[in-house]
Amino acid sequence: MAKSRLFRSTFIVSSMTMLSRILGLVRDMVLMGVFGAGGLMDAFLVAFKIPNFLRRLFAEGAFSQAFVPVLSEYKEKRTLNEVQILISRVSGVLSLILLVLTVAVIALAPFVVQIFAPGFMNDPTKFDAATDLLRLTFPYLLFISMTAFFGSILQSYGRFAAPAFAPVLLNLSMIAGALLFAPMFDKPIMALGYAVAISGILQLAIQLPELYRQKLLPAPKVDFKHEGVRRILKLMLPAIFGVSVTQINLLLNTVFASLMIGGSVSWLYAAERLSELPLGLIGVAIGTVILPSLSSSRAKADDATFKKTLDWAARLIILVGLPASVAMFMLSDVLMNALFVRGEFSQHDALMSGIALKSMAGGILGFMLIKIFAPAFFAGQDTKTPVKIGIVAVFANMIFSVIFIGLFYLFKLPLHGGLALATTAASFVNAGLLYYFLHKRGIWRFGSHWRKMGVQFGISSLAMAITLYLILPYYPADGAQWLRVVVLLGICALGAAVYGAVLLGTGFRPRQLKHG
């Protein structure tokens, strides 16, 4: 991908992702207001998290990271006909695997719920609801995984808009399900299950016209012996742990949270959703954009461009990720109060969710760095290094969970906060080890120019934190929701303005964000 297109592509993905995240925030406000925290909302979140976890693990994580480098190599060195055959065979194999998995999980839904939410077994109503919802939501994995597959093809050909817009349809479907269709059901929560399944079909459908125009929509054919398919499967199996460690850790949190007091699953969910805002807007966007570019550079043996692209991505990530972590920590209680306290979501729920967000906030930067460090390995078709690091991070998360839950119990703090803090710690273990091997192998490292930039980012983030600390006492916690949201937006704008002004005052210039 040409240098001039990286910013444009990132802008397109970020804009579409911003629209999706804003609607996602509206969606969560609606869900929490209609269904509250705990009870059947906990059941839905567990049922939805299982296919959503597998989507991120297989489709957007391991599969795309294994598929894109191989597709880029075919695109650079093979004919269009060979590319079409590769797409045909991969789509056939992928759809077969997903269909078998979907049928199996639907048949074994009660056992799956026992594995992922063992605490629900003590509550038959919640357990049965989670089982029924899982059967409704799991077909979403089939549709959304094929959506991710087709999206990877479009992204490799520089078409980012449709794949980035697709998640908007999920949010619109769930909002409609909660507000329009839930009252029609004996169990209103079931409307969300149907909404999730329908959104998967819609997200897949919007990819097809552009693929057809690009002549990249051949009929699927199952062929496990195809050279490209075998390479992708070989790369994919270890990559499952590579880039998706964050999701594994978050899912482990759900397992632990199901064993805690009612509402813990919902409180963690609310915190996760807000912590993912900057991750989705910048981290995922940049990670998505740079993978085809890094893969192309590797295919051409262009190490200079490879390093410049990674350095550029790191500059953007830290520029946004550091202040985002600080701001999320400072504003955690205010965010939960302004956005979620209405209807069935109480002030107590906001307080509990705020504790989780404080614990997760520090890890935002770690999560974002993983999104650019992992693709540096996958672009060179090295999945072994990230998988080894991923396994270490998963075990680190388990150890941190035991330690922090113990400490939170000792100091009489809500235990779900310890789970969130463990995820943060594990993210830095993961990001730190990825960077260690990038540096050790001479792939990429923070150069001397980072010393000055690090100081500039640090001073600006500190100035922003002081500003937020001074202005937060004036937040109207008991005011009308519209007033709380408006004041929150004003506080965020002021914090961003102070960060930007101090950053410019320290000598940082926008031209430093240019690629190359």
Protein backbone atom coordinates (compact mmCIF):
# COMPACT_ATOMS: atom_id res chain seq x y z
CA MET A 1 0.00 0.00 0.00
CA ALA A 2 1.38 3.42 -0.97
CA LYS A 3 2.43 5.66 1.89
CA SER A 4 -0.10 8.35 0.91
CA ARG A 5 -2.92 5.83 1.27
CA LEU A 6 -2.16 4.72 4.83
CA PHE A 7 -3.54 7.88 6.43
CA ARG A 8 -6.58 7.86 4.13
CA SER A 9 -7.27 4.20 4.82
CA THR A 10 -6.82 4.69 8.56
CA PHE A 11 -9.19 7.67 8.41
CA ILE A 12 -11.83 5.61 6.59
CA VAL A 13 -11.58 2.71 9.03
CA SER A 14 -11.47 5.05 12.05
CA SER A 15 -14.50 7.04 10.82
CA MET A 16 -16.59 3.93 10.20
CA THR A 17 -15.39 2.45 13.48
CA MET A 18 -16.25 5.68 15.29
CA LEU A 19 -19.78 5.51 13.91
CA SER A 20 -19.99 1.88 15.01
CA ARG A 21 -18.61 2.63 18.48
CA ILE A 22 -20.97 5.56 19.00
CA LEU A 23 -23.91 3.39 18.02
CA GLY A 24 -22.44 0.63 20.18
CA LEU A 25 -22.45 3.02 23.12
CA VAL A 26 -26.06 3.94 22.39
CA ARG A 27 -26.83 0.22 22.12
CA ASP A 28 -25.31 -0.50 25.53
CA MET A 29 -27.15 2.46 27.08
CA VAL A 30 -30.40 1.08 25.67
CA LEU A 31 -29.70 -2.50 26.80
CA MET A 32 -28.71 -1.51 30.31
CA GLY A 33 -31.67 0.86 30.59
CA VAL A 34 -34.20 -1.72 29.34
CA PHE A 35 -32.82 -4.87 30.99
CA GLY A 36 -30.57 -3.56 33.79
CA ALA A 37 -27.48 -5.30 35.20
CA GLY A 38 -27.63 -8.87 36.45
CA GLY A 39 -30.43 -11.39 36.00
CA LEU A 40 -31.29 -12.26 32.39
CA MET A 41 -28.95 -9.54 31.10
CA ASP A 42 -26.06 -11.56 32.54
CA ALA A 43 -27.47 -14.60 30.70
CA PHE A 44 -27.58 -12.76 27.37
CA LEU A 45 -24.08 -11.34 27.75
CA VAL A 46 -22.64 -14.79 28.38
CA ALA A 47 -24.55 -16.30 25.42
CA PHE A 48 -23.46 -13.47 23.12
CA LYS A 49 -19.89 -13.45 24.34
CA ILE A 50 -19.29 -17.08 23.30
CA PRO A 51 -19.81 -16.62 19.51
CA ASN A 52 -18.37 -13.10 19.72
CA PHE A 53 -15.25 -14.48 21.42
CA LEU A 54 -14.85 -17.17 18.76
CA ARG A 55 -15.38 -14.54 16.05
CA ARG A 56 -12.52 -12.46 17.38
CA LEU A 57 -10.41 -15.50 18.09
CA PHE A 58 -10.79 -17.32 14.77
CA ALA A 59 -12.20 -14.94 12.17
CA GLU A 60 -10.73 -11.55 13.04
CA GLY A 61 -7.78 -12.90 14.98
CA ALA A 62 -6.10 -16.08 13.90
CA PHE A 63 -7.74 -16.50 10.50
CA SER A 64 -7.23 -12.99 9.15
CA GLN A 65 -3.66 -12.86 10.43
CA ALA A 66 -2.90 -16.15 8.65
CA PHE A 67 -4.93 -15.44 5.51
CA VAL A 68 -3.89 -11.88 4.66
CA PRO A 69 -0.12 -12.57 4.30
CA VAL A 70 -0.82 -15.57 2.03
CA LEU A 71 -3.36 -13.59 -0.01
CA SER A 72 -0.88 -10.69 -0.30
CA GLU A 73 1.77 -13.08 -1.60
CA TYR A 74 -0.65 -14.51 -4.18
CA LYS A 75 -1.67 -10.99 -5.17
CA GLU A 76 1.96 -9.93 -5.69
CA LYS A 77 3.30 -13.07 -7.37
CA ARG A 78 0.37 -14.98 -8.90
CA THR A 79 -2.32 -14.40 -11.53
CA LEU A 80 -5.86 -13.22 -10.81
CA ASN A 81 -7.13 -16.71 -11.65
CA GLU A 82 -4.87 -18.24 -8.99
CA VAL A 83 -6.10 -15.66 -6.47
CA GLN A 84 -9.71 -16.55 -7.33
CA ILE A 85 -8.99 -20.26 -6.85
CA LEU A 86 -7.39 -19.55 -3.47
CA ILE A 87 -10.45 -17.54 -2.35
CA SER A 88 -12.77 -20.29 -3.60
CA ARG A 89 -10.98 -23.06 -1.74
CA VAL A 90 -10.53 -21.08 1.47
CA SER A 91 -14.18 -19.99 1.56
CA GLY A 92 -15.29 -23.59 1.03
CA VAL A 93 -13.12 -24.99 3.82
CA LEU A 94 -13.91 -22.14 6.22
CA SER A 95 -17.68 -22.36 5.71
CA LEU A 96 -17.64 -26.15 6.21
CA ILE A 97 -15.68 -25.90 9.46
CA LEU A 98 -17.96 -23.15 10.75
CA LEU A 99 -21.14 -25.06 9.82
CA VAL A 100 -19.98 -28.17 11.67
CA LEU A 101 -18.98 -26.10 14.72
CA THR A 102 -22.31 -24.25 14.72
CA VAL A 103 -24.38 -27.44 14.60
CA ALA A 104 -22.27 -29.00 17.36
CA VAL A 105 -22.58 -26.02 19.72
CA ILE A 106 -26.33 -25.72 19.19
CA ALA A 107 -26.71 -29.42 20.04
CA LEU A 108 -24.44 -29.18 23.08
CA ALA A 109 -25.53 -25.71 24.27
CA PRO A 110 -26.18 -26.68 27.93
CA PHE A 111 -22.68 -28.14 28.27
CA VAL A 112 -21.12 -25.09 26.63
CA VAL A 113 -22.88 -22.77 29.08
CA GLN A 114 -21.62 -24.92 31.97
CA ILE A 115 -18.06 -24.44 30.73
CA PHE A 116 -18.22 -20.69 30.14
CA ALA A 117 -20.53 -19.74 33.03
CA PRO A 118 -20.32 -22.42 35.72
CA GLY A 119 -21.84 -20.05 38.28
CA PHE A 120 -25.15 -20.07 36.40
CA MET A 121 -25.77 -23.70 37.38
CA ASN A 122 -26.94 -22.44 40.77
CA ASP A 123 -29.66 -20.35 39.07
CA PRO A 124 -31.87 -22.52 36.81
CA THR A 125 -33.72 -19.52 35.31
CA LYS A 126 -30.51 -17.80 34.30
CA PHE A 127 -28.94 -21.06 33.08
CA ASP A 128 -31.93 -21.99 30.91
CA ALA A 129 -32.11 -18.49 29.44
CA ALA A 130 -28.39 -18.54 28.63
CA THR A 131 -28.80 -21.94 26.93
CA ASP A 132 -31.73 -20.76 24.78
CA LEU A 133 -29.95 -17.53 23.90
CA LEU A 134 -26.78 -19.37 22.94
CA ARG A 135 -28.74 -21.48 20.44
CA LEU A 136 -30.13 -18.27 18.93
CA THR A 137 -26.90 -16.29 18.83
CA PHE A 138 -24.37 -18.94 17.83
CA PRO A 139 -25.26 -18.99 14.08
CA TYR A 140 -23.96 -15.41 14.16
CA LEU A 141 -20.46 -16.92 14.24
CA LEU A 142 -20.95 -18.53 10.82
CA PHE A 143 -22.17 -15.33 9.15
CA ILE A 144 -19.77 -12.94 10.87
CA SER A 145 -16.74 -15.15 10.26
CA MET A 146 -17.52 -15.21 6.54
CA THR A 147 -17.98 -11.44 6.78
CA ALA A 148 -14.49 -11.16 8.30
CA PHE A 149 -13.09 -13.42 5.57
CA PHE A 150 -14.58 -11.32 2.77
CA GLY A 151 -13.57 -8.16 4.62
CA SER A 152 -9.93 -9.33 4.69
CA ILE A 153 -10.03 -9.74 0.92
CA LEU A 154 -11.44 -6.25 0.39
CA GLN A 155 -8.90 -4.73 2.80
CA SER A 156 -6.04 -6.42 0.94
CA TYR A 157 -7.28 -4.66 -2.20
CA GLY A 158 -7.54 -1.30 -0.46
CA ARG A 159 -11.33 -1.41 0.03
CA PHE A 160 -11.88 -0.59 3.70
CA ALA A 161 -15.28 1.15 3.88
CA ALA A 162 -17.71 -1.80 3.66
CA PRO A 163 -15.87 -4.04 6.18
CA ALA A 164 -15.55 -1.12 8.61
CA PHE A 165 -19.25 -0.22 8.26
CA ALA A 166 -20.55 -3.77 8.84
CA PRO A 167 -20.55 -3.62 12.69
CA VAL A 168 -22.96 -0.67 12.52
CA LEU A 169 -25.64 -3.14 11.43
CA LEU A 170 -25.15 -5.23 14.58
CA ASN A 171 -25.72 -2.20 16.78
CA LEU A 172 -28.80 -1.08 14.84
CA SER A 173 -30.27 -4.59 14.99
CA MET A 174 -29.78 -4.88 18.75
CA ILE A 175 -31.21 -1.41 19.41
CA ALA A 176 -34.27 -2.30 17.34
CA GLY A 177 -34.55 -5.64 19.12
CA ALA A 178 -34.52 -4.03 22.57
CA LEU A 179 -36.81 -1.07 21.84
CA LEU A 180 -39.22 -2.40 19.19
CA PHE A 181 -39.43 -6.18 19.41
CA ALA A 182 -38.61 -7.11 23.02
CA PRO A 183 -42.13 -6.17 24.27
CA MET A 184 -43.58 -8.71 21.80
CA PHE A 185 -41.84 -11.68 23.48
CA ASP A 186 -42.91 -13.56 26.60
CA LYS A 187 -39.24 -13.36 27.56
CA PRO A 188 -38.20 -9.93 26.19
CA ILE A 189 -34.48 -10.79 26.39
CA MET A 190 -34.97 -13.37 23.61
CA ALA A 191 -35.46 -10.56 21.10
CA LEU A 192 -31.75 -9.79 21.45
CA GLY A 193 -30.84 -13.33 20.40
CA TYR A 194 -32.79 -13.00 17.14
CA ALA A 195 -31.35 -9.52 16.57
CA VAL A 196 -27.79 -10.84 16.79
CA ALA A 197 -28.44 -13.67 14.30
CA ILE A 198 -30.15 -11.36 11.79
CA SER A 199 -27.34 -8.82 12.01
CA GLY A 200 -24.83 -11.50 10.96
CA ILE A 201 -26.74 -12.06 7.71
CA LEU A 202 -26.93 -8.31 7.05
CA GLN A 203 -23.20 -7.77 7.67
CA LEU A 204 -22.33 -10.57 5.26
CA ALA A 205 -24.69 -9.26 2.57
CA ILE A 206 -23.19 -5.77 2.33
CA GLN A 207 -19.73 -7.19 1.49
CA LEU A 208 -20.89 -9.09 -1.60
CA PRO A 209 -21.49 -6.30 -4.16
CA GLU A 210 -17.94 -4.89 -3.88
CA LEU A 211 -16.42 -8.38 -4.03
CA TYR A 212 -18.43 -9.10 -7.18
CA ARG A 213 -17.23 -5.87 -8.80
CA GLN A 214 -13.63 -6.80 -8.01
CA LYS A 215 -14.14 -10.31 -9.50
CA LEU A 216 -13.28 -11.78 -6.09
CA LEU A 217 -16.46 -13.76 -5.43
CA PRO A 218 -15.87 -17.24 -6.89
CA ALA A 219 -18.11 -20.15 -5.88
CA PRO A 220 -16.82 -21.87 -2.71
CA LYS A 221 -15.27 -25.30 -3.05
CA VAL A 222 -13.99 -27.55 -0.28
CA ASP A 223 -10.37 -28.56 -0.95
CA PHE A 224 -8.16 -29.23 2.07
CA LYS A 225 -5.29 -30.24 -0.24
CA HIS A 226 -4.92 -26.86 -1.93
CA GLU A 227 -1.45 -25.42 -1.26
CA GLY A 228 -2.77 -22.06 -0.04
CA VAL A 229 -5.37 -23.65 2.23
CA ARG A 230 -2.80 -25.92 3.83
CA ARG A 231 -0.44 -22.99 4.46
CA ILE A 232 -3.23 -20.90 5.99
CA LEU A 233 -4.36 -23.72 8.29
CA LYS A 234 -0.76 -24.32 9.34
CA LEU A 235 -0.34 -20.64 10.17
CA MET A 236 -3.76 -20.34 11.74
CA LEU A 237 -3.57 -23.03 14.40
CA PRO A 238 -0.83 -21.36 16.47
CA ALA A 239 -2.10 -17.88 15.58
CA ILE A 240 -5.29 -18.63 17.52
CA PHE A 241 -3.41 -17.66 20.67
CA GLY A 242 -1.27 -14.98 19.06
CA VAL A 243 -3.32 -11.85 18.52
CA SER A 244 -6.42 -12.92 20.49
CA VAL A 245 -4.94 -13.30 23.96
CA THR A 246 -6.87 -10.26 25.14
CA GLN A 247 -10.14 -11.99 24.21
CA ILE A 248 -9.13 -15.20 25.97
CA ASN A 249 -8.33 -13.23 29.10
CA LEU A 250 -11.63 -11.33 28.95
CA LEU A 251 -13.51 -14.60 28.51
CA LEU A 252 -11.74 -16.06 31.55
CA ASN A 253 -13.00 -13.00 33.41
CA THR A 254 -16.55 -13.97 32.42
CA VAL A 255 -16.02 -17.48 33.78
CA PHE A 256 -14.76 -16.10 37.10
CA ALA A 257 -17.42 -13.36 37.19
CA SER A 258 -20.22 -15.92 36.81
CA LEU A 259 -19.09 -17.32 40.16
CA MET A 260 -19.31 -13.90 41.85
CA ILE A 261 -22.34 -11.90 42.98
CA GLY A 262 -25.12 -11.20 40.49
CA GLY A 263 -24.35 -8.27 38.21
CA SER A 264 -20.60 -8.92 38.01
CA VAL A 265 -20.84 -10.08 34.36
CA SER A 266 -22.77 -6.93 33.39
CA TRP A 267 -20.44 -4.61 35.33
CA LEU A 268 -17.39 -6.05 33.60
CA TYR A 269 -19.17 -5.87 30.24
CA ALA A 270 -19.93 -2.16 30.66
CA ALA A 271 -16.30 -1.47 31.58
CA GLU A 272 -14.97 -3.56 28.69
CA ARG A 273 -17.16 -1.71 26.21
CA LEU A 274 -15.90 1.71 27.29
CA SER A 275 -12.26 0.60 27.46
CA GLU A 276 -12.61 -0.73 23.91
CA LEU A 277 -13.63 2.68 22.52
CA PRO A 278 -10.08 3.99 21.96
CA LEU A 279 -8.89 0.46 21.15
CA GLY A 280 -11.48 0.16 18.39
CA LEU A 281 -11.13 3.68 17.05
CA ILE A 282 -7.35 3.67 16.74
CA GLY A 283 -5.78 0.35 17.74
CA VAL A 284 -7.93 -1.95 15.62
CA ALA A 285 -8.09 0.58 12.76
CA ILE A 286 -4.31 0.92 12.49
CA GLY A 287 -3.74 -2.80 13.00
CA THR A 288 -6.21 -3.52 10.19
CA VAL A 289 -4.61 -1.01 7.83
CA ILE A 290 -0.96 -1.91 8.39
CA LEU A 291 -1.24 -5.70 8.06
CA PRO A 292 -1.64 -5.68 4.24
CA SER A 293 1.13 -3.07 3.99
CA LEU A 294 3.49 -5.01 6.26
CA SER A 295 2.69 -8.26 4.41
CA SER A 296 3.40 -6.61 1.06
CA SER A 297 6.71 -5.19 2.36
CA ARG A 298 7.72 -8.64 3.59
CA ALA A 299 6.77 -10.24 0.26
CA LYS A 300 8.99 -7.68 -1.51
CA ALA A 301 11.78 -8.01 1.12
CA ASP A 302 11.50 -4.23 1.69
CA ASP A 303 12.70 -4.00 5.31
CA ALA A 304 13.03 -0.21 5.28
CA THR A 305 9.36 0.35 4.43
CA PHE A 306 8.36 -2.37 6.91
CA LYS A 307 10.14 -0.58 9.79
CA LYS A 308 8.84 2.85 8.79
CA THR A 309 5.28 1.56 8.68
CA LEU A 310 5.58 -0.02 12.14
CA ASP A 311 7.21 3.10 13.60
CA TRP A 312 4.45 5.27 12.15
CA ALA A 313 1.80 3.01 13.67
CA ALA A 314 3.50 3.12 17.08
CA ARG A 315 3.56 6.93 17.01
CA LEU A 316 -0.19 7.10 16.43
CA ILE A 317 -0.91 4.38 18.99
CA ILE A 318 1.02 6.02 21.83
CA LEU A 319 -0.17 9.52 20.87
CA VAL A 320 -3.74 8.35 21.54
CA GLY A 321 -3.31 5.33 23.83
CA LEU A 322 -1.42 7.04 26.67
CA PRO A 323 -3.86 9.92 27.24
CA ALA A 324 -6.80 7.54 26.66
CA SER A 325 -5.59 5.30 29.50
CA VAL A 326 -5.17 8.29 31.80
CA ALA A 327 -8.52 9.83 30.88
CA MET A 328 -10.44 6.56 31.27
CA PHE A 329 -8.99 6.15 34.77
CA MET A 330 -9.82 9.71 35.78
CA LEU A 331 -13.31 9.73 34.26
CA SER A 332 -14.41 6.14 35.03
CA ASP A 333 -17.12 7.00 37.57
CA VAL A 334 -18.37 9.98 35.58
CA LEU A 335 -18.57 7.96 32.37
CA MET A 336 -20.66 5.24 34.00
CA ASN A 337 -22.91 7.78 35.71
CA ALA A 338 -23.53 9.88 32.61
CA LEU A 339 -23.99 7.11 30.09
CA PHE A 340 -25.71 4.27 31.90
CA VAL A 341 -27.65 5.46 34.96
CA ARG A 342 -31.24 5.30 33.76
CA GLY A 343 -34.11 2.83 33.84
CA GLU A 344 -32.98 -0.47 35.38
CA PHE A 345 -29.29 0.55 35.67
CA SER A 346 -28.76 2.04 39.14
CA GLN A 347 -26.16 4.29 40.76
CA HIS A 348 -24.80 1.19 42.49
CA ASP A 349 -24.35 -0.51 39.11
CA ALA A 350 -22.50 2.58 37.87
CA LEU A 351 -20.21 2.54 40.91
CA MET A 352 -19.41 -1.15 40.45
CA SER A 353 -18.80 -0.71 36.70
CA GLY A 354 -16.60 2.30 37.44
CA ILE A 355 -14.38 0.19 39.67
CA ALA A 356 -13.91 -2.28 36.80
CA LEU A 357 -13.14 0.52 34.34
CA LYS A 358 -10.51 2.03 36.65
CA SER A 359 -8.80 -1.34 36.76
CA MET A 360 -8.98 -1.80 32.97
CA ALA A 361 -8.00 1.75 32.03
CA GLY A 362 -4.27 1.27 32.43
CA GLY A 363 -4.34 -1.63 30.00
CA ILE A 364 -5.77 0.36 27.09
CA LEU A 365 -2.27 1.28 25.90
CA GLY A 366 -1.13 -2.33 26.30
CA PHE A 367 -4.09 -3.63 24.29
CA MET A 368 -3.42 -1.09 21.53
CA LEU A 369 0.28 -1.96 21.26
CA ILE A 370 -0.59 -5.65 20.86
CA LYS A 371 -2.70 -4.69 17.82
CA ILE A 372 0.39 -3.39 15.99
CA PHE A 373 3.16 -5.60 17.41
CA ALA A 374 1.44 -8.92 16.62
CA PRO A 375 0.88 -8.11 12.90
CA ALA A 376 4.63 -7.47 12.58
CA PHE A 377 5.18 -11.19 13.17
CA PHE A 378 2.18 -12.40 11.18
CA ALA A 379 3.22 -10.34 8.16
CA GLY A 380 6.35 -12.48 7.96
CA GLN A 381 4.21 -15.62 8.42
CA ASP A 382 5.72 -16.16 11.87
CA THR A 383 2.93 -17.38 14.13
CA LYS A 384 5.07 -19.39 16.53
CA THR A 385 6.49 -16.40 18.38
CA PRO A 386 3.13 -14.74 19.14
CA VAL A 387 1.60 -18.05 20.20
CA LYS A 388 4.35 -18.71 22.72
CA ILE A 389 3.95 -15.20 24.07
CA GLY A 390 0.18 -15.63 24.07
CA ILE A 391 0.36 -18.76 26.18
CA VAL A 392 2.61 -16.96 28.67
CA ALA A 393 0.12 -14.07 28.82
CA VAL A 394 -2.86 -16.37 29.42
CA PHE A 395 -1.10 -18.06 32.32
CA ALA A 396 0.01 -14.66 33.60
CA ASN A 397 -3.62 -13.54 33.57
CA MET A 398 -4.65 -16.59 35.63
CA ILE A 399 -1.91 -15.92 38.15
CA PHE A 400 -2.70 -12.21 38.33
CA SER A 401 -6.40 -13.05 38.76
CA VAL A 402 -5.70 -15.20 41.81
CA ILE A 403 -3.35 -12.58 43.27
CA PHE A 404 -5.59 -9.55 42.68
CA ILE A 405 -8.82 -11.29 43.71
CA GLY A 406 -7.04 -12.27 46.92
CA LEU A 407 -5.86 -8.72 47.51
CA PHE A 408 -9.29 -7.24 46.74
CA TYR A 409 -10.87 -9.76 49.13
CA LEU A 410 -8.31 -8.89 51.81
CA PHE A 411 -9.01 -5.16 51.50
CA LYS A 412 -12.80 -5.75 51.20
CA LEU A 413 -12.98 -4.38 47.65
CA PRO A 414 -15.38 -5.71 44.95
CA LEU A 415 -13.80 -8.86 43.55
CA HIS A 416 -14.62 -8.14 39.89
CA GLY A 417 -12.19 -5.21 40.09
CA GLY A 418 -9.39 -7.70 40.69
CA LEU A 419 -10.35 -9.57 37.51
CA ALA A 420 -10.19 -6.38 35.48
CA LEU A 421 -6.81 -5.44 36.94
CA ALA A 422 -5.45 -8.88 36.06
CA THR A 423 -6.40 -8.32 32.42
CA THR A 424 -4.52 -5.01 32.42
CA ALA A 425 -1.39 -6.61 33.87
CA ALA A 426 -1.53 -9.49 31.38
CA SER A 427 -1.85 -7.05 28.44
CA PHE A 428 1.47 -5.45 29.36
CA VAL A 429 3.11 -8.85 29.72
CA ASN A 430 1.90 -9.67 26.21
CA ALA A 431 2.88 -6.33 24.64
CA GLY A 432 6.22 -6.26 26.45
CA LEU A 433 7.25 -9.72 25.28
CA LEU A 434 6.18 -8.98 21.69
CA TYR A 435 8.35 -5.86 21.70
CA TYR A 436 11.25 -7.73 23.30
CA PHE A 437 11.39 -10.20 20.41
CA LEU A 438 10.88 -7.48 17.79
CA HIS A 439 13.91 -5.70 19.25
CA LYS A 440 15.99 -8.83 19.83
CA ARG A 441 15.58 -10.02 16.24
CA GLY A 442 16.26 -6.63 14.74
CA ILE A 443 12.78 -6.40 13.25
CA TRP A 444 11.96 -3.05 14.86
CA ARG A 445 12.75 -1.02 17.97
CA PHE A 446 12.06 2.36 19.50
CA GLY A 447 14.76 4.60 18.03
CA SER A 448 16.48 7.60 19.63
CA HIS A 449 13.75 9.95 18.36
CA TRP A 450 11.35 8.25 20.78
CA ARG A 451 13.07 9.70 23.85
CA LYS A 452 11.90 13.21 23.11
CA MET A 453 8.45 12.06 21.97
CA GLY A 454 8.02 9.96 25.12
CA VAL A 455 8.68 13.02 27.30
CA GLN A 456 6.27 15.12 25.19
CA PHE A 457 3.49 12.55 25.45
CA GLY A 458 4.10 12.11 29.19
CA ILE A 459 4.06 15.84 30.05
CA SER A 460 0.93 16.41 27.96
CA SER A 461 -0.90 13.49 29.59
CA LEU A 462 0.05 14.77 33.06
CA ALA A 463 -1.27 18.25 32.22
CA MET A 464 -4.53 16.69 31.03
CA ALA A 465 -4.83 14.60 34.22
CA ILE A 466 -4.36 17.68 36.43
CA THR A 467 -7.03 19.54 34.45
CA LEU A 468 -9.50 16.68 34.80
CA TYR A 469 -8.79 16.40 38.52
CA LEU A 470 -9.55 20.11 39.03
CA ILE A 471 -12.77 20.17 36.98
CA LEU A 472 -14.39 16.85 38.03
CA PRO A 473 -15.82 18.21 41.34
CA TYR A 474 -18.16 20.40 39.26
CA TYR A 475 -19.77 17.42 37.48
CA PRO A 476 -23.56 17.32 38.22
CA ALA A 477 -23.85 13.67 39.32
CA ASP A 478 -27.53 14.04 40.29
CA GLY A 479 -28.64 16.08 37.28
CA ALA A 480 -30.79 14.99 34.36
CA GLN A 481 -29.12 12.52 32.02
CA TRP A 482 -28.94 14.95 29.10
CA LEU A 483 -27.16 17.46 31.36
CA ARG A 484 -24.73 14.81 32.62
CA VAL A 485 -23.90 13.75 29.06
CA VAL A 486 -23.40 17.35 27.88
CA VAL A 487 -21.12 18.16 30.81
CA LEU A 488 -19.19 14.92 30.23
CA LEU A 489 -18.64 15.86 26.58
CA GLY A 490 -17.45 19.30 27.68
CA ILE A 491 -15.00 17.78 30.17
CA CYS A 492 -13.65 15.41 27.50
CA ALA A 493 -13.26 18.27 25.03
CA LEU A 494 -11.41 20.36 27.60
CA GLY A 495 -9.08 17.49 28.47
CA ALA A 496 -8.33 16.83 24.80
CA ALA A 497 -7.71 20.53 24.16
CA VAL A 498 -5.26 20.77 27.08
CA TYR A 499 -3.46 17.62 25.91
CA GLY A 500 -3.16 18.95 22.36
CA ALA A 501 -2.08 22.44 23.42
CA VAL A 502 0.61 21.21 25.83
CA LEU A 503 1.81 18.69 23.23
CA LEU A 504 2.29 21.50 20.71
CA GLY A 505 3.88 23.64 23.43
CA THR A 506 6.54 20.97 24.06
CA GLY A 507 7.58 21.15 20.40
CA PHE A 508 5.61 18.22 18.93
CA ARG A 509 4.39 18.88 15.41
CA PRO A 510 1.72 17.10 13.29
CA ARG A 511 4.30 16.41 10.57
CA GLN A 512 5.88 13.90 12.97
CA LEU A 513 2.85 11.69 12.33
CA LYS A 514 3.56 11.40 8.62
CA HIS A 515 4.44 7.95 7.35
CA GLY A 516 8.05 7.57 6.25
